[in-house]
Amino acid sequence: MPDDTEQPLIYHLIELRDRLLRVVLVVGVVFIALVPFSNTLFSLLSGPLMAHMPDDSSMIAIEVASPFLIPFKLTLFLALFISIPYVLYQLWSFVAPGLYTHERRLAFPLLVSSTALFYAGAAFAYFVVFPLVFAFFTGAAPEGVAVMTDISRYLDFVLTLFFAFGAAFEVPVLTVLLVWTGMATQEGLREKRPYIIVGAFVIGMLLTPPDVISQTLLAVPVWLLFELGVYFSGWFIRQRDDLPDNDGYSSVDRYKPMSDKEMDAELDRIDKEGKS
């Protein structure tokens, strides 16, 4: 059960401040450790593009400070990326005392899986999407046009794709949460499969650069991950319903949304009470 001892608001604010300071400290330590390798890290990041550029071509820096600032910016983002598990751990430690036992048992696997899926999305973008997209872009250059990408524009481009694919790979977690909270059912989501497929391509259009390849490479995994989330949502529901009543919160007492028929009956009852 959640902690019944009510703490003053200032106590929670102090705890939140302390945890945020820990997050900033860890990100800062990781960043300082990575700074000496900032140029090497950018070379690794630019590898998928450089592999498809002509031998006599190279990337360029338009701004005067770009050769220093862009690797520096990449290192900062990478430090935050590496620190995500610790950031989520601090978030979990802050909210966990207010959760019931059954909520902790279900929320913790979702937290871990969401972290792993975000990393998987970023890895999919780097190892699968980047080579295909950059091969298409460099190969589509008209004759007489030298492909020389600005390092600032390149970093913005790849960070957008990293975020888009990392967020898109969270679809199974979102699907499980929708079913777990009662906002949707497995059967209802399966019936809406055609709309989900269309929505996946719309998401691909909005989150990726304006090319068909990256849009399709995002939309297809989103659809497949949706199917995976629908499948595993049944397991989470069974786990929720089979939990023993060790905290006084039985499955009977759990909130269940009204059906359409129950909602109509409740509205009729309220209307009759208002007229009497």
C-alpha atoms as a PDB file:
ATOM      1  CA  MET A   1       0.000   0.000   0.000  1.00  0.00           C
ATOM      2  CA  PRO A   2       1.132   3.586  -0.390  1.00  0.00           C
ATOM      3  CA  ASP A   3       2.647   5.264   2.633  1.00  0.00           C
ATOM      4  CA  ASP A   4      -0.261   6.441   4.784  1.00  0.00           C
ATOM      5  CA  THR A   5       1.925   8.949   6.614  1.00  0.00           C
ATOM      6  CA  GLU A   6       1.045  12.252   5.010  1.00  0.00           C
ATOM      7  CA  GLN A   7       4.098  14.403   4.420  1.00  0.00           C
ATOM      8  CA  PRO A   8       3.992  18.192   3.997  1.00  0.00           C
ATOM      9  CA  LEU A   9       4.358  19.588   0.491  1.00  0.00           C
ATOM     10  CA  ILE A  10       7.734  21.121   1.284  1.00  0.00           C
ATOM     11  CA  TYR A  11       9.087  17.641   2.080  1.00  0.00           C
ATOM     12  CA  HIS A  12       8.191  16.375  -1.404  1.00  0.00           C
ATOM     13  CA  LEU A  13       9.611  19.497  -3.031  1.00  0.00           C
ATOM     14  CA  ILE A  14      12.911  19.030  -1.183  1.00  0.00           C
ATOM     15  CA  GLU A  15      13.041  15.374  -2.213  1.00  0.00           C
ATOM     16  CA  LEU A  16      12.303  16.315  -5.835  1.00  0.00           C
ATOM     17  CA  ARG A  17      15.058  18.929  -5.747  1.00  0.00           C
ATOM     18  CA  ASP A  18      17.569  16.432  -4.345  1.00  0.00           C
ATOM     19  CA  ARG A  19      16.746  13.868  -7.021  1.00  0.00           C
ATOM     20  CA  LEU A  20      17.010  16.458  -9.803  1.00  0.00           C
ATOM     21  CA  LEU A  21      20.410  17.510  -8.465  1.00  0.00           C
ATOM     22  CA  ARG A  22      21.536  13.871  -8.518  1.00  0.00           C
ATOM     23  CA  VAL A  23      20.411  13.569 -12.123  1.00  0.00           C
ATOM     24  CA  VAL A  24      22.286  16.729 -13.111  1.00  0.00           C
ATOM     25  CA  LEU A  25      25.390  15.479 -11.273  1.00  0.00           C
ATOM     26  CA  VAL A  26      25.359  12.089 -13.005  1.00  0.00           C
ATOM     27  CA  VAL A  27      24.779  13.629 -16.436  1.00  0.00           C
ATOM     28  CA  GLY A  28      27.601  16.067 -15.750  1.00  0.00           C
ATOM     29  CA  VAL A  29      30.019  13.311 -14.712  1.00  0.00           C
ATOM     30  CA  VAL A  30      29.216  11.250 -17.825  1.00  0.00           C
ATOM     31  CA  PHE A  31      29.572  14.357 -19.981  1.00  0.00           C
ATOM     32  CA  ILE A  32      32.992  15.235 -18.522  1.00  0.00           C
ATOM     33  CA  ALA A  33      34.133  11.649 -19.072  1.00  0.00           C
ATOM     34  CA  LEU A  34      33.074  11.777 -22.728  1.00  0.00           C
ATOM     35  CA  VAL A  35      34.400  15.242 -23.621  1.00  0.00           C
ATOM     36  CA  PRO A  36      37.944  14.015 -24.514  1.00  0.00           C
ATOM     37  CA  PHE A  37      36.357  11.665 -27.072  1.00  0.00           C
ATOM     38  CA  SER A  38      33.925  14.180 -28.581  1.00  0.00           C
ATOM     39  CA  ASN A  39      35.585  14.267 -32.017  1.00  0.00           C
ATOM     40  CA  THR A  40      35.800  10.471 -32.113  1.00  0.00           C
ATOM     41  CA  LEU A  41      32.127  10.208 -31.186  1.00  0.00           C
ATOM     42  CA  PHE A  42      31.154  12.544 -34.007  1.00  0.00           C
ATOM     43  CA  SER A  43      33.229  10.492 -36.429  1.00  0.00           C
ATOM     44  CA  LEU A  44      31.317   7.384 -35.353  1.00  0.00           C
ATOM     45  CA  LEU A  45      28.012   9.214 -35.727  1.00  0.00           C
ATOM     46  CA  SER A  46      28.891  10.431 -39.203  1.00  0.00           C
ATOM     47  CA  GLY A  47      30.088   6.980 -40.295  1.00  0.00           C
ATOM     48  CA  PRO A  48      26.800   5.928 -41.981  1.00  0.00           C
ATOM     49  CA  LEU A  49      26.865   9.078 -44.131  1.00  0.00           C
ATOM     50  CA  MET A  50      30.589   9.058 -44.888  1.00  0.00           C
ATOM     51  CA  ALA A  51      30.360   5.431 -46.033  1.00  0.00           C
ATOM     52  CA  HIS A  52      28.147   6.515 -48.955  1.00  0.00           C
ATOM     53  CA  MET A  53      29.805   9.815 -49.854  1.00  0.00           C
ATOM     54  CA  PRO A  54      32.230  10.041 -52.810  1.00  0.00           C
ATOM     55  CA  ASP A  55      35.890   9.553 -51.985  1.00  0.00           C
ATOM     56  CA  ASP A  56      36.751  13.142 -52.885  1.00  0.00           C
ATOM     57  CA  SER A  57      33.911  14.597 -50.771  1.00  0.00           C
ATOM     58  CA  SER A  58      33.701  15.473 -47.085  1.00  0.00           C
ATOM     59  CA  MET A  59      31.470  17.143 -44.536  1.00  0.00           C
ATOM     60  CA  ILE A  60      31.778  20.900 -44.008  1.00  0.00           C
ATOM     61  CA  ALA A  61      31.338  23.389 -41.175  1.00  0.00           C
ATOM     62  CA  ILE A  62      29.591  26.600 -42.241  1.00  0.00           C
ATOM     63  CA  GLU A  63      29.729  28.401 -38.900  1.00  0.00           C
ATOM     64  CA  VAL A  64      33.069  29.493 -37.438  1.00  0.00           C
ATOM     65  CA  ALA A  65      32.533  27.766 -34.084  1.00  0.00           C
ATOM     66  CA  SER A  66      30.846  24.628 -35.473  1.00  0.00           C
ATOM     67  CA  PRO A  67      33.970  22.406 -35.406  1.00  0.00           C
ATOM     68  CA  PHE A  68      34.076  22.904 -31.624  1.00  0.00           C
ATOM     69  CA  LEU A  69      30.413  23.323 -30.692  1.00  0.00           C
ATOM     70  CA  ILE A  70      28.870  20.458 -32.690  1.00  0.00           C
ATOM     71  CA  PRO A  71      30.970  17.624 -31.161  1.00  0.00           C
ATOM     72  CA  PHE A  72      30.407  19.343 -27.799  1.00  0.00           C
ATOM     73  CA  LYS A  73      26.643  19.330 -28.374  1.00  0.00           C
ATOM     74  CA  LEU A  74      26.702  15.686 -29.438  1.00  0.00           C
ATOM     75  CA  THR A  75      28.592  14.733 -26.284  1.00  0.00           C
ATOM     76  CA  LEU A  76      26.006  16.472 -24.109  1.00  0.00           C
ATOM     77  CA  PHE A  77      23.127  14.652 -25.791  1.00  0.00           C
ATOM     78  CA  LEU A  78      24.985  11.359 -25.551  1.00  0.00           C
ATOM     79  CA  ALA A  79      25.608  11.892 -21.832  1.00  0.00           C
ATOM     80  CA  LEU A  80      21.886  12.406 -21.295  1.00  0.00           C
ATOM     81  CA  PHE A  81      21.137   9.379 -23.475  1.00  0.00           C
ATOM     82  CA  ILE A  82      23.463   7.150 -21.447  1.00  0.00           C
ATOM     83  CA  SER A  83      22.048   8.470 -18.171  1.00  0.00           C
ATOM     84  CA  ILE A  84      18.419   7.662 -19.027  1.00  0.00           C
ATOM     85  CA  PRO A  85      18.301   4.527 -16.791  1.00  0.00           C
ATOM     86  CA  TYR A  86      19.496   6.550 -13.799  1.00  0.00           C
ATOM     87  CA  VAL A  87      17.052   9.373 -14.601  1.00  0.00           C
ATOM     88  CA  LEU A  88      14.170   6.904 -14.722  1.00  0.00           C
ATOM     89  CA  TYR A  89      15.393   5.252 -11.520  1.00  0.00           C
ATOM     90  CA  GLN A  90      15.210   8.606  -9.719  1.00  0.00           C
ATOM     91  CA  LEU A  91      11.739   9.179 -11.146  1.00  0.00           C
ATOM     92  CA  TRP A  92      10.644   5.718 -10.009  1.00  0.00           C
ATOM     93  CA  SER A  93      12.076   6.251  -6.517  1.00  0.00           C
ATOM     94  CA  PHE A  94      10.117   9.492  -6.226  1.00  0.00           C
ATOM     95  CA  VAL A  95       6.692   8.135  -7.247  1.00  0.00           C
ATOM     96  CA  ALA A  96       6.932   4.507  -6.024  1.00  0.00           C
ATOM     97  CA  PRO A  97       6.057   5.243  -2.348  1.00  0.00           C
ATOM     98  CA  GLY A  98       2.673   6.588  -3.495  1.00  0.00           C
ATOM     99  CA  LEU A  99       1.756   3.445  -5.431  1.00  0.00           C
ATOM    100  CA  TYR A 100      -0.095   0.344  -4.304  1.00  0.00           C
ATOM    101  CA  THR A 101       1.757  -2.970  -4.301  1.00  0.00           C
ATOM    102  CA  HIS A 102      -0.043  -4.249  -7.385  1.00  0.00           C
ATOM    103  CA  GLU A 103       0.700  -0.973  -9.179  1.00  0.00           C
ATOM    104  CA  ARG A 104       4.401  -1.280  -8.394  1.00  0.00           C
ATOM    105  CA  ARG A 105       4.515  -4.845  -9.692  1.00  0.00           C
ATOM    106  CA  LEU A 106       3.004  -3.800 -13.000  1.00  0.00           C
ATOM    107  CA  ALA A 107       4.603  -0.374 -13.395  1.00  0.00           C
ATOM    108  CA  PHE A 108       8.211  -1.457 -12.815  1.00  0.00           C
ATOM    109  CA  PRO A 109       8.329  -3.893 -15.801  1.00  0.00           C
ATOM    110  CA  LEU A 110       6.791  -1.180 -17.972  1.00  0.00           C
ATOM    111  CA  LEU A 111       9.460   1.278 -16.840  1.00  0.00           C
ATOM    112  CA  VAL A 112      12.280  -1.147 -17.627  1.00  0.00           C
ATOM    113  CA  SER A 113      10.781  -2.171 -20.966  1.00  0.00           C
ATOM    114  CA  SER A 114      10.225   1.457 -22.016  1.00  0.00           C
ATOM    115  CA  THR A 115      13.929   2.170 -21.424  1.00  0.00           C
ATOM    116  CA  ALA A 116      15.006  -0.893 -23.399  1.00  0.00           C
ATOM    117  CA  LEU A 117      12.612  -0.069 -26.237  1.00  0.00           C
ATOM    118  CA  PHE A 118      13.907   3.496 -26.498  1.00  0.00           C
ATOM    119  CA  TYR A 119      17.471   2.217 -26.807  1.00  0.00           C
ATOM    120  CA  ALA A 120      16.292  -0.376 -29.340  1.00  0.00           C
ATOM    121  CA  GLY A 121      14.642   2.351 -31.420  1.00  0.00           C
ATOM    122  CA  ALA A 122      17.815   4.427 -31.467  1.00  0.00           C
ATOM    123  CA  ALA A 123      19.900   1.375 -32.414  1.00  0.00           C
ATOM    124  CA  PHE A 124      17.445   0.507 -35.195  1.00  0.00           C
ATOM    125  CA  ALA A 125      17.782   4.043 -36.548  1.00  0.00           C
ATOM    126  CA  TYR A 126      21.597   3.926 -36.534  1.00  0.00           C
ATOM    127  CA  PHE A 127      22.177   0.427 -37.905  1.00  0.00           C
ATOM    128  CA  VAL A 128      19.200   0.031 -40.251  1.00  0.00           C
ATOM    129  CA  VAL A 129      17.683   3.385 -41.171  1.00  0.00           C
ATOM    130  CA  PHE A 130      20.773   5.559 -41.543  1.00  0.00           C
ATOM    131  CA  PRO A 131      22.574   3.367 -44.119  1.00  0.00           C
ATOM    132  CA  LEU A 132      19.451   3.088 -46.284  1.00  0.00           C
ATOM    133  CA  VAL A 133      18.489   6.758 -46.050  1.00  0.00           C
ATOM    134  CA  PHE A 134      21.980   8.122 -46.688  1.00  0.00           C
ATOM    135  CA  ALA A 135      22.578   5.709 -49.549  1.00  0.00           C
ATOM    136  CA  PHE A 136      19.383   6.984 -51.163  1.00  0.00           C
ATOM    137  CA  PHE A 137      20.155  10.671 -50.567  1.00  0.00           C
ATOM    138  CA  THR A 138      23.738  10.564 -51.814  1.00  0.00           C
ATOM    139  CA  GLY A 139      22.787   8.415 -54.793  1.00  0.00           C
ATOM    140  CA  ALA A 140      19.975  10.779 -55.786  1.00  0.00           C
ATOM    141  CA  ALA A 141      22.276  13.801 -56.136  1.00  0.00           C
ATOM    142  CA  PRO A 142      22.135  15.249 -59.688  1.00  0.00           C
ATOM    143  CA  GLU A 143      25.192  15.049 -61.859  1.00  0.00           C
ATOM    144  CA  GLY A 144      27.607  17.862 -61.141  1.00  0.00           C
ATOM    145  CA  VAL A 145      26.348  18.359 -57.552  1.00  0.00           C
ATOM    146  CA  ALA A 146      28.916  17.690 -54.835  1.00  0.00           C
ATOM    147  CA  VAL A 147      27.436  16.190 -51.659  1.00  0.00           C
ATOM    148  CA  MET A 148      29.010  18.092 -48.759  1.00  0.00           C
ATOM    149  CA  THR A 149      26.761  18.053 -45.693  1.00  0.00           C
ATOM    150  CA  ASP A 150      27.095  20.682 -42.976  1.00  0.00           C
ATOM    151  CA  ILE A 151      27.953  19.048 -39.642  1.00  0.00           C
ATOM    152  CA  SER A 152      25.368  21.171 -37.781  1.00  0.00           C
ATOM    153  CA  ARG A 153      22.547  20.202 -40.128  1.00  0.00           C
ATOM    154  CA  TYR A 154      23.659  16.580 -39.991  1.00  0.00           C
ATOM    155  CA  LEU A 155      23.567  16.461 -36.191  1.00  0.00           C
ATOM    156  CA  ASP A 156      20.089  17.993 -36.111  1.00  0.00           C
ATOM    157  CA  PHE A 157      18.930  15.474 -38.716  1.00  0.00           C
ATOM    158  CA  VAL A 158      20.202  12.379 -36.894  1.00  0.00           C
ATOM    159  CA  LEU A 159      19.023  13.586 -33.478  1.00  0.00           C
ATOM    160  CA  THR A 160      15.539  13.998 -34.938  1.00  0.00           C
ATOM    161  CA  LEU A 161      15.618  10.439 -36.237  1.00  0.00           C
ATOM    162  CA  PHE A 162      16.973   9.086 -32.954  1.00  0.00           C
ATOM    163  CA  PHE A 163      14.161  10.751 -31.039  1.00  0.00           C
ATOM    164  CA  ALA A 164      11.509   9.718 -33.574  1.00  0.00           C
ATOM    165  CA  PHE A 165      12.461   6.049 -33.585  1.00  0.00           C
ATOM    166  CA  GLY A 166      13.075   5.938 -29.838  1.00  0.00           C
ATOM    167  CA  ALA A 167       9.625   7.413 -29.178  1.00  0.00           C
ATOM    168  CA  ALA A 168       7.973   5.213 -31.815  1.00  0.00           C
ATOM    169  CA  PHE A 169       9.351   2.075 -30.194  1.00  0.00           C
ATOM    170  CA  GLU A 170       7.385   2.978 -27.040  1.00  0.00           C
ATOM    171  CA  VAL A 171       4.162   1.906 -28.780  1.00  0.00           C
ATOM    172  CA  PRO A 172       3.954  -1.464 -26.926  1.00  0.00           C
ATOM    173  CA  VAL A 173       4.157   0.316 -23.572  1.00  0.00           C
ATOM    174  CA  LEU A 174       1.444   2.778 -24.595  1.00  0.00           C
ATOM    175  CA  THR A 175      -0.751  -0.078 -25.818  1.00  0.00           C
ATOM    176  CA  VAL A 176      -0.367  -1.996 -22.567  1.00  0.00           C
ATOM    177  CA  LEU A 177      -1.187   1.122 -20.539  1.00  0.00           C
ATOM    178  CA  LEU A 178      -4.342   1.747 -22.566  1.00  0.00           C
ATOM    179  CA  VAL A 179      -5.592  -1.772 -21.875  1.00  0.00           C
ATOM    180  CA  TRP A 180      -4.386  -1.833 -18.267  1.00  0.00           C
ATOM    181  CA  THR A 181      -6.193   1.398 -17.344  1.00  0.00           C
ATOM    182  CA  GLY A 182      -9.396   0.277 -19.037  1.00  0.00           C
ATOM    183  CA  MET A 183      -9.311   3.009 -21.686  1.00  0.00           C
ATOM    184  CA  ALA A 184      -9.280   0.300 -24.365  1.00  0.00           C
ATOM    185  CA  THR A 185      -9.585  -3.463 -24.720  1.00  0.00           C
ATOM    186  CA  GLN A 186      -7.631  -6.026 -26.689  1.00  0.00           C
ATOM    187  CA  GLU A 187     -10.615  -6.722 -28.906  1.00  0.00           C
ATOM    188  CA  GLY A 188     -11.269  -3.031 -29.498  1.00  0.00           C
ATOM    189  CA  LEU A 189      -7.657  -2.395 -30.497  1.00  0.00           C
ATOM    190  CA  ARG A 190      -7.677  -5.349 -32.880  1.00  0.00           C
ATOM    191  CA  GLU A 191     -10.822  -4.012 -34.529  1.00  0.00           C
ATOM    192  CA  LYS A 192      -9.102  -0.645 -35.034  1.00  0.00           C
ATOM    193  CA  ARG A 193      -6.062  -2.220 -36.737  1.00  0.00           C
ATOM    194  CA  PRO A 194      -6.696  -0.528 -40.143  1.00  0.00           C
ATOM    195  CA  TYR A 195      -6.797   2.892 -38.475  1.00  0.00           C
ATOM    196  CA  ILE A 196      -3.635   2.077 -36.527  1.00  0.00           C
ATOM    197  CA  ILE A 197      -1.781   1.235 -39.741  1.00  0.00           C
ATOM    198  CA  VAL A 198      -2.851   4.511 -41.330  1.00  0.00           C
ATOM    199  CA  GLY A 199      -1.924   6.362 -38.128  1.00  0.00           C
ATOM    200  CA  ALA A 200       1.519   4.724 -38.162  1.00  0.00           C
ATOM    201  CA  PHE A 201       2.233   6.169 -41.597  1.00  0.00           C
ATOM    202  CA  VAL A 202       0.925   9.563 -40.480  1.00  0.00           C
ATOM    203  CA  ILE A 203       3.300   9.432 -37.497  1.00  0.00           C
ATOM    204  CA  GLY A 204       6.113   8.473 -39.856  1.00  0.00           C
ATOM    205  CA  MET A 205       5.264  11.472 -42.022  1.00  0.00           C
ATOM    206  CA  LEU A 206       5.276  13.879 -39.057  1.00  0.00           C
ATOM    207  CA  LEU A 207       8.321  12.608 -37.144  1.00  0.00           C
ATOM    208  CA  THR A 208      10.752  11.851 -39.941  1.00  0.00           C
ATOM    209  CA  PRO A 209      12.349  13.945 -42.693  1.00  0.00           C
ATOM    210  CA  PRO A 210      10.270  14.289 -45.877  1.00  0.00           C
ATOM    211  CA  ASP A 211      11.335  11.115 -47.653  1.00  0.00           C
ATOM    212  CA  VAL A 212       9.406   7.916 -48.269  1.00  0.00           C
ATOM    213  CA  ILE A 213      12.150   5.568 -47.063  1.00  0.00           C
ATOM    214  CA  SER A 214      12.464   6.894 -43.492  1.00  0.00           C
ATOM    215  CA  GLN A 215       8.684   7.286 -43.222  1.00  0.00           C
ATOM    216  CA  THR A 216       8.135   3.648 -44.192  1.00  0.00           C
ATOM    217  CA  LEU A 217      10.983   2.419 -41.985  1.00  0.00           C
ATOM    218  CA  LEU A 218       9.284   4.107 -39.028  1.00  0.00           C
ATOM    219  CA  ALA A 219       5.673   3.209 -39.880  1.00  0.00           C
ATOM    220  CA  VAL A 220       6.204  -0.542 -40.323  1.00  0.00           C
ATOM    221  CA  PRO A 221       7.945  -1.064 -36.930  1.00  0.00           C
ATOM    222  CA  VAL A 222       5.252   1.063 -35.240  1.00  0.00           C
ATOM    223  CA  TRP A 223       2.572  -1.231 -36.635  1.00  0.00           C
ATOM    224  CA  LEU A 224       4.460  -4.400 -35.643  1.00  0.00           C
ATOM    225  CA  LEU A 225       5.157  -3.032 -32.168  1.00  0.00           C
ATOM    226  CA  PHE A 226       1.471  -2.206 -31.805  1.00  0.00           C
ATOM    227  CA  GLU A 227       0.665  -5.862 -32.507  1.00  0.00           C
ATOM    228  CA  LEU A 228       3.281  -6.869 -29.924  1.00  0.00           C
ATOM    229  CA  GLY A 229       1.752  -4.520 -27.355  1.00  0.00           C
ATOM    230  CA  VAL A 230      -1.748  -5.889 -27.970  1.00  0.00           C
ATOM    231  CA  TYR A 231      -0.443  -9.422 -27.467  1.00  0.00           C
ATOM    232  CA  PHE A 232       1.382  -8.675 -24.200  1.00  0.00           C
ATOM    233  CA  SER A 233      -1.441  -6.518 -22.818  1.00  0.00           C
ATOM    234  CA  GLY A 234      -3.409  -9.708 -22.187  1.00  0.00           C
ATOM    235  CA  TRP A 235      -0.573 -11.027 -20.032  1.00  0.00           C
ATOM    236  CA  PHE A 236      -0.457  -7.831 -17.979  1.00  0.00           C
ATOM    237  CA  ILE A 237      -4.213  -7.919 -17.458  1.00  0.00           C
ATOM    238  CA  ARG A 238      -4.024 -11.523 -16.230  1.00  0.00           C
ATOM    239  CA  GLN A 239      -1.208 -10.568 -13.879  1.00  0.00           C
ATOM    240  CA  ARG A 240      -3.262  -7.668 -12.533  1.00  0.00           C
ATOM    241  CA  ASP A 241      -6.374  -9.761 -11.957  1.00  0.00           C
ATOM    242  CA  ASP A 242      -4.458 -12.672 -10.380  1.00  0.00           C
ATOM    243  CA  LEU A 243      -2.617 -10.539  -7.816  1.00  0.00           C
ATOM    244  CA  PRO A 244      -3.446 -11.593  -4.218  1.00  0.00           C
ATOM    245  CA  ASP A 245      -5.354  -9.169  -2.068  1.00  0.00           C
ATOM    246  CA  ASN A 246      -2.410  -8.315   0.177  1.00  0.00           C
ATOM    247  CA  ASP A 247      -3.027  -4.596   0.346  1.00  0.00           C
ATOM    248  CA  GLY A 248      -6.773  -4.416   0.801  1.00  0.00           C
ATOM    249  CA  TYR A 249      -7.336  -3.522  -2.839  1.00  0.00           C
ATOM    250  CA  SER A 250      -9.229  -6.406  -4.408  1.00  0.00           C
ATOM    251  CA  SER A 251      -9.916  -6.931  -8.079  1.00  0.00           C
ATOM    252  CA  VAL A 252     -13.588  -6.279  -7.387  1.00  0.00           C
ATOM    253  CA  ASP A 253     -12.802  -2.859  -5.966  1.00  0.00           C
ATOM    254  CA  ARG A 254     -10.616  -1.789  -8.863  1.00  0.00           C
ATOM    255  CA  TYR A 255     -12.005   0.892 -11.093  1.00  0.00           C
ATOM    256  CA  LYS A 256     -13.697  -0.327 -14.249  1.00  0.00           C
ATOM    257  CA  PRO A 257     -15.104   2.102 -16.789  1.00  0.00           C
ATOM    258  CA  MET A 258     -18.844   2.023 -17.454  1.00  0.00           C
ATOM    259  CA  SER A 259     -20.158   0.399 -20.582  1.00  0.00           C
ATOM    260  CA  ASP A 260     -22.289   2.463 -22.970  1.00  0.00           C
ATOM    261  CA  LYS A 261     -25.453   0.872 -21.605  1.00  0.00           C
ATOM    262  CA  GLU A 262     -24.458   1.561 -17.999  1.00  0.00           C
ATOM    263  CA  MET A 263     -23.556   5.137 -18.888  1.00  0.00           C
ATOM    264  CA  ASP A 264     -26.973   5.720 -20.517  1.00  0.00           C
ATOM    265  CA  ALA A 265     -28.750   4.282 -17.483  1.00  0.00           C
ATOM    266  CA  GLU A 266     -26.736   6.503 -15.139  1.00  0.00           C
ATOM    267  CA  LEU A 267     -27.529   9.605 -17.204  1.00  0.00           C
ATOM    268  CA  ASP A 268     -31.246   8.723 -17.188  1.00  0.00           C
ATOM    269  CA  ARG A 269     -31.143   8.330 -13.413  1.00  0.00           C
ATOM    270  CA  ILE A 270     -29.460  11.715 -12.957  1.00  0.00           C
ATOM    271  CA  ASP A 271     -31.979  13.322 -15.329  1.00  0.00           C
ATOM    272  CA  LYS A 272     -34.915  11.866 -13.379  1.00  0.00           C
ATOM    273  CA  GLU A 273     -33.463  13.062 -10.055  1.00  0.00           C
ATOM    274  CA  GLY A 274     -33.058  16.544 -11.491  1.00  0.00           C
ATOM    275  CA  LYS A 275     -36.703  16.712 -12.581  1.00  0.00           C
ATOM    276  CA  SER A 276     -38.103  15.403  -9.270  1.00  0.00           C
END
